[in-house]
Amino acid sequence: MLQEAKEAWSDAAENSGESTPRPIPSEYDCGGEFTLRIPRSLHRELSKTAEVEGVSLNQYCTHLLSKGTTKDEGCATAHIV
């Protein structure tokens, strides 16, 4: 149904002379979610620290990951020590 709606909208815009925006191609199609397996001891440590900081484990890990990456030409590169 979504595809039909997109096509109908595109056809209507074309018939009325309006231009339709084209999607910007992306080399990386990231949904913002991934699974990471870590040792239980690290999970425990991260969970405790997140609780002390008053944030969710997800927020805390996102914070740590963002501190350890640089954005170079649209791609985040981790600095792993």
PDB file of N, CA and C in Angstrom:
ATOM      1  N   MET A   1       0.821  -1.199   0.000  1.00  0.00           N
ATOM      2  CA  MET A   1       0.000   0.000   0.000  1.00  0.00           C
ATOM      3  C   MET A   1       0.865   1.263   0.000  1.00  0.00           C
ATOM      4  N   LEU A   2       1.975   1.187   0.712  1.00  0.00           N
ATOM      5  CA  LEU A   2       2.864   2.343   0.768  1.00  0.00           C
ATOM      6  C   LEU A   2       3.418   2.662  -0.617  1.00  0.00           C
ATOM      7  N   GLN A   3       3.828   1.627  -1.327  1.00  0.00           N
ATOM      8  CA  GLN A   3       4.367   1.835  -2.669  1.00  0.00           C
ATOM      9  C   GLN A   3       3.315   2.462  -3.580  1.00  0.00           C
ATOM     10  N   GLU A   4       2.067   1.992  -3.477  1.00  0.00           N
ATOM     11  CA  GLU A   4       0.972   2.553  -4.281  1.00  0.00           C
ATOM     12  C   GLU A   4       0.757   4.023  -3.947  1.00  0.00           C
ATOM     13  N   ALA A   5       0.802   4.363  -2.670  1.00  0.00           N
ATOM     14  CA  ALA A   5       0.629   5.752  -2.249  1.00  0.00           C
ATOM     15  C   ALA A   5       1.758   6.627  -2.785  1.00  0.00           C
ATOM     16  N   LYS A   6       2.986   6.123  -2.738  1.00  0.00           N
ATOM     17  CA  LYS A   6       4.126   6.885  -3.269  1.00  0.00           C
ATOM     18  C   LYS A   6       3.964   7.135  -4.758  1.00  0.00           C
ATOM     19  N   GLU A   7       3.538   6.103  -5.485  1.00  0.00           N
ATOM     20  CA  GLU A   7       3.350   6.242  -6.932  1.00  0.00           C
ATOM     21  C   GLU A   7       2.223   7.214  -7.253  1.00  0.00           C
ATOM     22  N   ALA A   8       1.124   7.145  -6.494  1.00  0.00           N
ATOM     23  CA  ALA A   8      -0.008   8.051  -6.715  1.00  0.00           C
ATOM     24  C   ALA A   8       0.407   9.491  -6.454  1.00  0.00           C
ATOM     25  N   TRP A   9       1.156   9.704  -5.367  1.00  0.00           N
ATOM     26  CA  TRP A   9       1.630  11.059  -5.055  1.00  0.00           C
ATOM     27  C   TRP A   9       2.552  11.580  -6.150  1.00  0.00           C
ATOM     28  N   SER A  10       3.458  10.716  -6.610  1.00  0.00           N
ATOM     29  CA  SER A  10       4.398  11.102  -7.654  1.00  0.00           C
ATOM     30  C   SER A  10       3.663  11.432  -8.953  1.00  0.00           C
ATOM     31  N   ASP A  11       2.690  10.611  -9.314  1.00  0.00           N
ATOM     32  CA  ASP A  11       1.910  10.858 -10.530  1.00  0.00           C
ATOM     33  C   ASP A  11       1.138  12.171 -10.435  1.00  0.00           C
ATOM     34  N   ALA A  12       0.520  12.417  -9.276  1.00  0.00           N
ATOM     35  CA  ALA A  12      -0.248  13.650  -9.085  1.00  0.00           C
ATOM     36  C   ALA A  12       0.657  14.868  -9.177  1.00  0.00           C
ATOM     37  N   ALA A  13       1.822  14.792  -8.584  1.00  0.00           N
ATOM     38  CA  ALA A  13       2.760  15.913  -8.636  1.00  0.00           C
ATOM     39  C   ALA A  13       3.233  16.145 -10.062  1.00  0.00           C
ATOM     40  N   GLU A  14       3.514  15.077 -10.773  1.00  0.00           N
ATOM     41  CA  GLU A  14       3.974  15.190 -12.161  1.00  0.00           C
ATOM     42  C   GLU A  14       2.883  15.777 -13.046  1.00  0.00           C
ATOM     43  N   ASN A  15       1.637  15.327 -12.856  1.00  0.00           N
ATOM     44  CA  ASN A  15       0.513  15.826 -13.661  1.00  0.00           C
ATOM     45  C   ASN A  15       0.218  17.296 -13.400  1.00  0.00           C
ATOM     46  N   SER A  16       0.521  17.778 -12.208  1.00  0.00           N
ATOM     47  CA  SER A  16       0.266  19.184 -11.882  1.00  0.00           C
ATOM     48  C   SER A  16       1.470  20.070 -12.203  1.00  0.00           C
ATOM     49  N   GLY A  17       2.531  19.456 -12.710  1.00  0.00           N
ATOM     50  CA  GLY A  17       3.712  20.227 -13.078  1.00  0.00           C
ATOM     51  C   GLY A  17       4.682  20.466 -11.945  1.00  0.00           C
ATOM     52  N   GLU A  18       4.383  19.925 -10.778  1.00  0.00           N
ATOM     53  CA  GLU A  18       5.298  20.082  -9.641  1.00  0.00           C
ATOM     54  C   GLU A  18       6.461  19.105  -9.766  1.00  0.00           C
ATOM     55  N   SER A  19       7.607  19.524  -9.287  1.00  0.00           N
ATOM     56  CA  SER A  19       8.742  18.610  -9.290  1.00  0.00           C
ATOM     57  C   SER A  19       8.696  17.770  -8.016  1.00  0.00           C
ATOM     58  N   THR A  20       9.182  16.568  -8.128  1.00  0.00           N
ATOM     59  CA  THR A  20       9.226  15.692  -6.959  1.00  0.00           C
ATOM     60  C   THR A  20      10.668  15.534  -6.520  1.00  0.00           C
ATOM     61  N   PRO A  21      10.912  15.598  -5.221  1.00  0.00           N
ATOM     62  CA  PRO A  21      12.290  15.437  -4.756  1.00  0.00           C
ATOM     63  C   PRO A  21      12.773  14.016  -5.001  1.00  0.00           C
ATOM     64  N   ARG A  22      14.005  13.908  -5.357  1.00  0.00           N
ATOM     65  CA  ARG A  22      14.614  12.598  -5.582  1.00  0.00           C
ATOM     66  C   ARG A  22      15.392  12.211  -4.339  1.00  0.00           C
ATOM     67  N   PRO A  23      15.351  10.937  -3.978  1.00  0.00           N
ATOM     68  CA  PRO A  23      16.119  10.519  -2.805  1.00  0.00           C
ATOM     69  C   PRO A  23      17.610  10.683  -3.039  1.00  0.00           C
ATOM     70  N   ILE A  24      18.294  11.040  -1.990  1.00  0.00           N
ATOM     71  CA  ILE A  24      19.745  11.169  -2.058  1.00  0.00           C
ATOM     72  C   ILE A  24      20.334   9.782  -1.835  1.00  0.00           C
ATOM     73  N   PRO A  25      21.066   9.263  -2.822  1.00  0.00           N
ATOM     74  CA  PRO A  25      21.631   7.926  -2.631  1.00  0.00           C
ATOM     75  C   PRO A  25      22.632   7.921  -1.494  1.00  0.00           C
ATOM     76  N   SER A  26      22.615   6.859  -0.744  1.00  0.00           N
ATOM     77  CA  SER A  26      23.520   6.728   0.382  1.00  0.00           C
ATOM     78  C   SER A  26      24.331   5.449   0.225  1.00  0.00           C
ATOM     79  N   GLU A  27      25.625   5.577   0.396  1.00  0.00           N
ATOM     80  CA  GLU A  27      26.494   4.397   0.321  1.00  0.00           C
ATOM     81  C   GLU A  27      26.215   3.463   1.489  1.00  0.00           C
ATOM     82  N   TYR A  28      25.835   4.064   2.608  1.00  0.00           N
ATOM     83  CA  TYR A  28      25.561   3.286   3.811  1.00  0.00           C
ATOM     84  C   TYR A  28      24.119   3.516   4.224  1.00  0.00           C
ATOM     85  N   ASP A  29      23.324   2.476   4.246  1.00  0.00           N
ATOM     86  CA  ASP A  29      21.934   2.583   4.667  1.00  0.00           C
ATOM     87  C   ASP A  29      21.840   2.024   6.081  1.00  0.00           C
ATOM     88  N   CYS A  30      22.053   2.881   7.070  1.00  0.00           N
ATOM     89  CA  CYS A  30      22.093   2.443   8.463  1.00  0.00           C
ATOM     90  C   CYS A  30      20.788   2.777   9.161  1.00  0.00           C
ATOM     91  N   GLY A  31      20.247   1.804   9.844  1.00  0.00           N
ATOM     92  CA  GLY A  31      18.998   1.988  10.557  1.00  0.00           C
ATOM     93  C   GLY A  31      19.177   2.477  11.981  1.00  0.00           C
ATOM     94  N   GLY A  32      20.425   2.616  12.429  1.00  0.00           N
ATOM     95  CA  GLY A  32      20.653   3.115  13.775  1.00  0.00           C
ATOM     96  C   GLY A  32      20.619   2.041  14.844  1.00  0.00           C
ATOM     97  N   GLU A  33      20.729   0.810  14.429  1.00  0.00           N
ATOM     98  CA  GLU A  33      20.668  -0.277  15.407  1.00  0.00           C
ATOM     99  C   GLU A  33      21.614  -1.393  14.970  1.00  0.00           C
ATOM    100  N   PHE A  34      22.332  -1.959  15.943  1.00  0.00           N
ATOM    101  CA  PHE A  34      23.156  -3.126  15.675  1.00  0.00           C
ATOM    102  C   PHE A  34      23.320  -3.920  16.957  1.00  0.00           C
ATOM    103  N   THR A  35      23.682  -5.173  16.808  1.00  0.00           N
ATOM    104  CA  THR A  35      23.854  -6.048  17.960  1.00  0.00           C
ATOM    105  C   THR A  35      25.336  -6.208  18.234  1.00  0.00           C
ATOM    106  N   LEU A  36      25.700  -6.117  19.495  1.00  0.00           N
ATOM    107  CA  LEU A  36      27.094  -6.243  19.892  1.00  0.00           C
ATOM    108  C   LEU A  36      27.171  -7.204  21.064  1.00  0.00           C
ATOM    109  N   ARG A  37      27.949  -8.243  20.934  1.00  0.00           N
ATOM    110  CA  ARG A  37      28.129  -9.200  22.020  1.00  0.00           C
ATOM    111  C   ARG A  37      29.368  -8.792  22.815  1.00  0.00           C
ATOM    112  N   ILE A  38      29.179  -8.646  24.128  1.00  0.00           N
ATOM    113  CA  ILE A  38      30.277  -8.243  25.005  1.00  0.00           C
ATOM    114  C   ILE A  38      30.320  -9.189  26.205  1.00  0.00           C
ATOM    115  N   PRO A  39      31.451  -9.249  26.882  1.00  0.00           N
ATOM    116  CA  PRO A  39      31.530 -10.093  28.083  1.00  0.00           C
ATOM    117  C   PRO A  39      30.543  -9.611  29.154  1.00  0.00           C
ATOM    118  N   ARG A  40      30.047 -10.548  29.949  1.00  0.00           N
ATOM    119  CA  ARG A  40      29.093 -10.211  31.014  1.00  0.00           C
ATOM    120  C   ARG A  40      29.675  -9.192  31.991  1.00  0.00           C
ATOM    121  N   SER A  41      30.958  -9.323  32.267  1.00  0.00           N
ATOM    122  CA  SER A  41      31.584  -8.396  33.214  1.00  0.00           C
ATOM    123  C   SER A  41      31.549  -6.959  32.677  1.00  0.00           C
ATOM    124  N   LEU A  42      31.773  -6.790  31.391  1.00  0.00           N
ATOM    125  CA  LEU A  42      31.713  -5.454  30.799  1.00  0.00           C
ATOM    126  C   LEU A  42      30.274  -4.942  30.787  1.00  0.00           C
ATOM    127  N   HIS A  43      29.337  -5.815  30.469  1.00  0.00           N
ATOM    128  CA  HIS A  43      27.922  -5.442  30.483  1.00  0.00           C
ATOM    129  C   HIS A  43      27.524  -4.955  31.877  1.00  0.00           C
ATOM    130  N   ARG A  44      27.941  -5.696  32.881  1.00  0.00           N
ATOM    131  CA  ARG A  44      27.640  -5.338  34.272  1.00  0.00           C
ATOM    132  C   ARG A  44      28.233  -3.968  34.610  1.00  0.00           C
ATOM    133  N   GLU A  45      29.490  -3.766  34.249  1.00  0.00           N
ATOM    134  CA  GLU A  45      30.170  -2.498  34.542  1.00  0.00           C
ATOM    135  C   GLU A  45      29.488  -1.323  33.837  1.00  0.00           C
ATOM    136  N   LEU A  46      29.155  -1.508  32.580  1.00  0.00           N
ATOM    137  CA  LEU A  46      28.481  -0.441  31.831  1.00  0.00           C
ATOM    138  C   LEU A  46      27.103  -0.144  32.413  1.00  0.00           C
ATOM    139  N   SER A  47      26.369  -1.195  32.781  1.00  0.00           N
ATOM    140  CA  SER A  47      25.036  -1.012  33.361  1.00  0.00           C
ATOM    141  C   SER A  47      25.104  -0.243  34.674  1.00  0.00           C
ATOM    142  N   LYS A  48      26.056  -0.601  35.521  1.00  0.00           N
ATOM    143  CA  LYS A  48      26.203   0.083  36.817  1.00  0.00           C
ATOM    144  C   LYS A  48      26.549   1.554  36.607  1.00  0.00           C
ATOM    145  N   THR A  49      27.475   1.818  35.716  1.00  0.00           N
ATOM    146  CA  THR A  49      27.886   3.203  35.471  1.00  0.00           C
ATOM    147  C   THR A  49      26.733   4.017  34.893  1.00  0.00           C
ATOM    148  N   ALA A  50      25.974   3.419  33.975  1.00  0.00           N
ATOM    149  CA  ALA A  50      24.816   4.120  33.398  1.00  0.00           C
ATOM    150  C   ALA A  50      23.810   4.461  34.487  1.00  0.00           C
ATOM    151  N   GLU A  51      23.590   3.527  35.408  1.00  0.00           N
ATOM    152  CA  GLU A  51      22.646   3.769  36.496  1.00  0.00           C
ATOM    153  C   GLU A  51      23.125   4.919  37.392  1.00  0.00           C
ATOM    154  N   VAL A  52      24.415   4.918  37.708  1.00  0.00           N
ATOM    155  CA  VAL A  52      24.982   5.995  38.526  1.00  0.00           C
ATOM    156  C   VAL A  52      24.831   7.344  37.817  1.00  0.00           C
ATOM    157  N   GLU A  53      25.028   7.342  36.511  1.00  0.00           N
ATOM    158  CA  GLU A  53      24.919   8.577  35.715  1.00  0.00           C
ATOM    159  C   GLU A  53      23.464   8.989  35.493  1.00  0.00           C
ATOM    160  N   GLY A  54      22.529   8.071  35.779  1.00  0.00           N
ATOM    161  CA  GLY A  54      21.111   8.393  35.625  1.00  0.00           C
ATOM    162  C   GLY A  54      20.622   8.365  34.189  1.00  0.00           C
ATOM    163  N   VAL A  55      21.272   7.541  33.369  1.00  0.00           N
ATOM    164  CA  VAL A  55      20.869   7.414  31.969  1.00  0.00           C
ATOM    165  C   VAL A  55      20.675   5.939  31.641  1.00  0.00           C
ATOM    166  N   SER A  56      20.052   5.677  30.498  1.00  0.00           N
ATOM    167  CA  SER A  56      19.877   4.291  30.078  1.00  0.00           C
ATOM    168  C   SER A  56      21.208   3.720  29.603  1.00  0.00           C
ATOM    169  N   LEU A  57      21.288   2.421  29.600  1.00  0.00           N
ATOM    170  CA  LEU A  57      22.494   1.765  29.090  1.00  0.00           C
ATOM    171  C   LEU A  57      22.727   2.159  27.632  1.00  0.00           C
ATOM    172  N   ASN A  58      21.653   2.236  26.851  1.00  0.00           N
ATOM    173  CA  ASN A  58      21.762   2.639  25.450  1.00  0.00           C
ATOM    174  C   ASN A  58      22.358   4.049  25.327  1.00  0.00           C
ATOM    175  N   GLN A  59      21.837   4.993  26.118  1.00  0.00           N
ATOM    176  CA  GLN A  59      22.356   6.362  26.072  1.00  0.00           C
ATOM    177  C   GLN A  59      23.823   6.412  26.471  1.00  0.00           C
ATOM    178  N   TYR A  60      24.166   5.662  27.516  1.00  0.00           N
ATOM    179  CA  TYR A  60      25.543   5.678  27.996  1.00  0.00           C
ATOM    180  C   TYR A  60      26.504   5.105  26.947  1.00  0.00           C
ATOM    181  N   CYS A  61      26.137   3.973  26.362  1.00  0.00           N
ATOM    182  CA  CYS A  61      27.003   3.366  25.341  1.00  0.00           C
ATOM    183  C   CYS A  61      27.106   4.254  24.107  1.00  0.00           C
ATOM    184  N   THR A  62      25.999   4.892  23.716  1.00  0.00           N
ATOM    185  CA  THR A  62      26.036   5.815  22.577  1.00  0.00           C
ATOM    186  C   THR A  62      26.995   6.964  22.865  1.00  0.00           C
ATOM    187  N   HIS A  63      26.947   7.469  24.079  1.00  0.00           N
ATOM    188  CA  HIS A  63      27.860   8.542  24.491  1.00  0.00           C
ATOM    189  C   HIS A  63      29.318   8.083  24.379  1.00  0.00           C
ATOM    190  N   LEU A  64      29.608   6.898  24.922  1.00  0.00           N
ATOM    191  CA  LEU A  64      30.982   6.385  24.878  1.00  0.00           C
ATOM    192  C   LEU A  64      31.451   6.165  23.439  1.00  0.00           C
ATOM    193  N   LEU A  65      30.585   5.594  22.615  1.00  0.00           N
ATOM    194  CA  LEU A  65      30.959   5.354  21.221  1.00  0.00           C
ATOM    195  C   LEU A  65      31.190   6.661  20.472  1.00  0.00           C
ATOM    196  N   SER A  66      30.356   7.658  20.720  1.00  0.00           N
ATOM    197  CA  SER A  66      30.515   8.926  20.006  1.00  0.00           C
ATOM    198  C   SER A  66      31.794   9.651  20.420  1.00  0.00           C
ATOM    199  N   LYS A  67      32.224   9.454  21.663  1.00  0.00           N
ATOM    200  CA  LYS A  67      33.479  10.058  22.116  1.00  0.00           C
ATOM    201  C   LYS A  67      34.684   9.396  21.461  1.00  0.00           C
ATOM    202  N   GLY A  68      34.538   8.138  21.070  1.00  0.00           N
ATOM    203  CA  GLY A  68      35.661   7.398  20.527  1.00  0.00           C
ATOM    204  C   GLY A  68      35.668   7.284  19.019  1.00  0.00           C
ATOM    205  N   THR A  69      34.888   8.121  18.338  1.00  0.00           N
ATOM    206  CA  THR A  69      34.855   8.064  16.877  1.00  0.00           C
ATOM    207  C   THR A  69      35.134   9.432  16.293  1.00  0.00           C
ATOM    208  N   THR A  70      35.578   9.433  15.054  1.00  0.00           N
ATOM    209  CA  THR A  70      35.700  10.667  14.288  1.00  0.00           C
ATOM    210  C   THR A  70      34.917  10.478  13.009  1.00  0.00           C
ATOM    211  N   LYS A  71      34.357  11.542  12.508  1.00  0.00           N
ATOM    212  CA  LYS A  71      33.596  11.464  11.265  1.00  0.00           C
ATOM    213  C   LYS A  71      34.494  11.932  10.132  1.00  0.00           C
ATOM    214  N   ASP A  72      34.802  11.023   9.223  1.00  0.00           N
ATOM    215  CA  ASP A  72      35.685  11.312   8.116  1.00  0.00           C
ATOM    216  C   ASP A  72      34.964  10.935   6.826  1.00  0.00           C
ATOM    217  N   GLU A  73      34.588  11.945   6.037  1.00  0.00           N
ATOM    218  CA  GLU A  73      33.890  11.724   4.776  1.00  0.00           C
ATOM    219  C   GLU A  73      32.635  10.884   4.949  1.00  0.00           C
ATOM    220  N   GLY A  74      31.835  11.184   5.979  1.00  0.00           N
ATOM    221  CA  GLY A  74      30.556  10.523   6.165  1.00  0.00           C
ATOM    222  C   GLY A  74      30.623   9.164   6.815  1.00  0.00           C
ATOM    223  N   CYS A  75      31.797   8.754   7.271  1.00  0.00           N
ATOM    224  CA  CYS A  75      31.920   7.431   7.882  1.00  0.00           C
ATOM    225  C   CYS A  75      32.581   7.586   9.240  1.00  0.00           C
ATOM    226  N   ALA A  76      31.949   7.034  10.260  1.00  0.00           N
ATOM    227  CA  ALA A  76      32.522   7.098  11.607  1.00  0.00           C
ATOM    228  C   ALA A  76      33.603   6.034  11.731  1.00  0.00           C
ATOM    229  N   THR A  77      34.741   6.444  12.230  1.00  0.00           N
ATOM    230  CA  THR A  77      35.868   5.543  12.410  1.00  0.00           C
ATOM    231  C   THR A  77      36.165   5.438  13.892  1.00  0.00           C
ATOM    232  N   ALA A  78      36.159   4.221  14.408  1.00  0.00           N
ATOM    233  CA  ALA A  78      36.415   4.015  15.840  1.00  0.00           C
ATOM    234  C   ALA A  78      37.907   4.039  16.106  1.00  0.00           C
ATOM    235  N   HIS A  79      38.255   4.622  17.241  1.00  0.00           N
ATOM    236  CA  HIS A  79      39.633   4.618  17.718  1.00  0.00           C
ATOM    237  C   HIS A  79      39.703   3.594  18.847  1.00  0.00           C
ATOM    238  N   ILE A  80      40.099   2.410  18.535  1.00  0.00           N
ATOM    239  CA  ILE A  80      40.141   1.336  19.509  1.00  0.00           C
ATOM    240  C   ILE A  80      41.560   1.219  20.065  1.00  0.00           C
ATOM    241  N   VAL A  81      41.641   1.274  21.379  1.00  0.00           N
ATOM    242  CA  VAL A  81      42.960   1.200  22.017  1.00  0.00           C
ATOM    243  C   VAL A  81      43.168  -0.174  22.590  1.00  0.00           C
TER     244      VAL A  81
END
